[in-house]
Amino acid sequence: MSLDRAVMMFAGLMILISVALTHWVHPAWMWLTVFVGLNLLQASVTGFCPAAMLFRRLGVRPGQAFR
């Protein structure tokens, strides 16, 4: 799995988890969804992604987007 796919999978998983927490625990968990969305937006503009840095340290091979 490439770094790009790992970041997209992690972001999708975080969004699904936050939606489930919003539904079953408390509506304030929606802010996690907002945070993930804003982080995806800024990563697409700047190329800086903390999740990509973490996955790179864990040994995930680089993809095309995060070099």
Protein backbone atom coordinates (compact mmCIF):
# COMPACT_ATOMS: atom_id res chain seq x y z
CA MET A 1 0.00 0.00 0.00
CA SER A 2 1.34 3.42 -0.91
CA LEU A 3 1.46 6.43 1.39
CA ASP A 4 -1.26 8.18 -0.61
CA ARG A 5 -3.69 5.29 -0.18
CA ALA A 6 -2.84 4.95 3.51
CA VAL A 7 -3.61 8.64 4.13
CA MET A 8 -6.90 8.45 2.21
CA MET A 9 -7.88 5.25 4.05
CA PHE A 10 -7.05 6.81 7.42
CA ALA A 11 -9.02 9.99 6.61
CA GLY A 12 -12.04 7.99 5.47
CA LEU A 13 -11.90 5.81 8.57
CA MET A 14 -11.69 8.88 10.84
CA ILE A 15 -14.70 10.45 9.12
CA LEU A 16 -16.76 7.27 9.48
CA ILE A 17 -15.78 6.93 13.15
CA SER A 18 -16.65 10.56 13.87
CA VAL A 19 -20.04 10.23 12.17
CA ALA A 20 -20.78 7.12 14.25
CA LEU A 21 -19.70 8.90 17.44
CA THR A 22 -21.86 11.89 16.49
CA HIS A 23 -24.86 9.65 15.99
CA TRP A 24 -24.49 7.39 19.03
CA VAL A 25 -22.51 9.41 21.60
CA HIS A 26 -22.79 13.21 21.29
CA PRO A 27 -23.32 15.74 18.48
CA ALA A 28 -20.08 17.55 19.41
CA TRP A 29 -18.12 14.72 17.76
CA MET A 30 -19.04 16.36 14.45
CA TRP A 31 -16.08 18.68 15.08
CA LEU A 32 -13.76 15.73 14.45
CA THR A 33 -15.30 15.43 10.97
CA VAL A 34 -14.75 19.15 10.43
CA PHE A 35 -11.12 18.85 11.56
CA VAL A 36 -10.42 15.93 9.22
CA GLY A 37 -12.04 17.77 6.30
CA LEU A 38 -10.05 20.94 6.95
CA ASN A 39 -6.85 18.93 7.28
CA LEU A 40 -7.53 17.26 3.91
CA LEU A 41 -8.16 20.65 2.36
CA GLN A 42 -4.97 22.21 3.69
CA ALA A 43 -2.94 19.12 2.72
CA SER A 44 -4.18 19.40 -0.85
CA VAL A 45 -3.09 23.05 -1.00
CA THR A 46 0.19 22.95 0.95
CA GLY A 47 1.34 19.34 0.59
CA PHE A 48 1.90 19.14 4.37
CA CYS A 49 0.08 16.26 6.06
CA PRO A 50 0.83 15.08 9.61
CA ALA A 51 -0.72 11.67 8.89
CA ALA A 52 1.62 11.23 5.91
CA MET A 53 4.60 12.02 8.13
CA LEU A 54 3.44 9.42 10.66
CA PHE A 55 2.86 6.72 8.04
CA ARG A 56 6.24 7.48 6.45
CA ARG A 57 7.92 6.91 9.83
CA LEU A 58 6.05 3.62 10.13
CA GLY A 59 7.64 2.48 6.87
CA VAL A 60 4.83 2.92 4.35
CA ARG A 61 6.37 3.38 0.90
CA PRO A 62 5.96 6.80 -0.72
CA GLY A 63 3.30 7.45 -3.32
CA GLN A 64 2.92 10.27 -5.80
CA ALA A 65 1.36 13.00 -3.66
CA PHE A 66 3.42 13.02 -0.46
CA ARG A 67 7.13 12.87 -1.33
